[in-house]
Structures are given as structure tokens and as C-alpha cells.
């Protein structure tokens, strides 16, 4: 699962995800079946990382393409 499931950051913040699992995961914006074009890490392996800088305020939901029940969100404030 993503930890934390909810994160609040200021615009301009770079968030870094790290895969601590033995299986590949993704960090994909949107929801299963409704991906957005904001960001997509592709699949990355254990100890792999992905970074994204949130520039525009708003709510960004994301999920893992391999495990659609893995969901979380980032709230970006000004």
C-alpha cells in the first residue's frame, strides 16, 4: 500500500516514492480505468524510486496499475 495514503504539500514540492516490495508497482495519476496524463512512473522494482514535482494546486489521486486497489492522493496547496 502507499504510505501515507494522503499527503498535503505546497506547490513546487517534489514527492518521491520508493518501492519497498518484492514486486513491481507503478505510481499512476487518476483512478483505475480513468488514468489522467499528469504523471505515470511506469513499473519500477524493489528499491526503485519515482519523483514528481507538483506545480499546480489541486487534488491528485493516484494508483498502482498492477494493484488497482492501491490508491492514494496528494493535496497541493499554494
Protein backbone atom coordinates (compact mmCIF):
# COMPACT_ATOMS: atom_id res chain seq x y z
CA UNK A 1 0.00 0.00 0.00
CA UNK A 2 1.03 3.60 -0.45
CA UNK A 3 2.20 5.25 2.76
CA UNK A 4 0.89 7.74 3.58
CA UNK A 5 -2.42 7.39 1.77
CA UNK A 6 -2.96 11.16 1.93
CA UNK A 7 -0.26 13.80 1.66
CA UNK A 8 -0.52 17.59 1.68
CA UNK A 9 2.27 19.65 0.07
CA UNK A 10 2.82 23.17 -1.24
CA UNK A 11 3.01 23.84 -4.97
CA UNK A 12 6.57 23.33 -6.20
CA UNK A 13 7.20 20.34 -3.92
CA UNK A 14 8.82 17.21 -5.34
CA UNK A 15 7.39 13.98 -3.95
CA UNK A 16 9.50 10.82 -4.08
CA UNK A 17 8.05 7.32 -3.96
CA UNK A 18 10.17 4.25 -3.21
CA UNK A 19 9.16 0.65 -3.86
CA UNK A 20 9.86 -1.43 -0.76
CA UNK A 21 8.14 -4.53 -2.14
CA UNK A 22 9.50 -7.57 -3.97
CA UNK A 23 7.05 -6.94 -6.85
CA UNK A 24 6.92 -4.11 -9.39
CA UNK A 25 4.49 -1.25 -8.78
CA UNK A 26 3.53 1.98 -10.53
CA UNK A 27 2.52 5.45 -9.44
CA UNK A 28 -0.15 6.41 -11.98
CA UNK A 29 -2.31 9.54 -11.76
CA UNK A 30 -6.08 9.23 -11.86
CA UNK A 31 -8.10 6.17 -10.97
CA UNK A 32 -8.23 2.64 -12.38
CA UNK A 33 -9.91 2.87 -15.78
CA UNK A 34 -9.68 6.69 -15.66
CA UNK A 35 -5.98 7.48 -15.83
CA UNK A 36 -5.01 11.13 -16.16
CA UNK A 37 -1.99 12.41 -18.03
CA UNK A 38 -0.49 14.22 -15.02
CA UNK A 39 2.13 11.56 -14.20
CA UNK A 40 2.95 7.87 -14.61
CA UNK A 41 6.06 6.18 -13.28
CA UNK A 42 5.70 3.02 -15.30
CA UNK A 43 6.56 -0.13 -13.35
CA UNK A 44 9.57 0.04 -11.05
CA UNK A 45 11.23 -2.66 -8.95
CA UNK A 46 12.19 -3.02 -5.31
CA UNK A 47 14.32 -0.10 -4.08
CA UNK A 48 13.44 1.79 -7.27
CA UNK A 49 12.18 5.34 -6.94
CA UNK A 50 9.99 7.79 -8.83
CA UNK A 51 9.81 11.56 -8.34
CA UNK A 52 7.25 14.10 -9.48
CA UNK A 53 7.11 17.85 -8.84
CA UNK A 54 3.61 19.16 -8.15
CA UNK A 55 3.39 22.64 -9.65
CA UNK A 56 -0.34 23.31 -9.85
CA UNK A 57 -2.56 23.36 -6.73
CA UNK A 58 -5.31 20.75 -6.61
CA UNK A 59 -6.07 17.18 -5.62
CA UNK A 60 -4.15 14.43 -7.38
CA UNK A 61 -5.36 10.88 -6.97
CA UNK A 62 -3.12 8.01 -7.99
CA UNK A 63 -2.98 4.21 -8.02
CA UNK A 64 -0.83 1.22 -8.97
CA UNK A 65 -1.58 -0.25 -12.41
CA UNK A 66 -0.68 -3.76 -11.20
CA UNK A 67 -2.75 -3.46 -7.99
CA UNK A 68 -5.73 -1.14 -8.67
CA UNK A 69 -6.85 -1.34 -5.04
CA UNK A 70 -3.65 0.52 -4.09
CA UNK A 71 -4.80 4.14 -4.12
CA UNK A 72 -3.73 7.40 -2.53
CA UNK A 73 -3.84 11.15 -3.09
CA UNK A 74 -1.76 14.30 -2.86
CA UNK A 75 -3.34 17.65 -1.95
CA UNK A 76 -1.33 20.53 -3.41
CA UNK A 77 -1.81 23.97 -1.88
CA UNK A 78 -0.46 27.37 -2.93
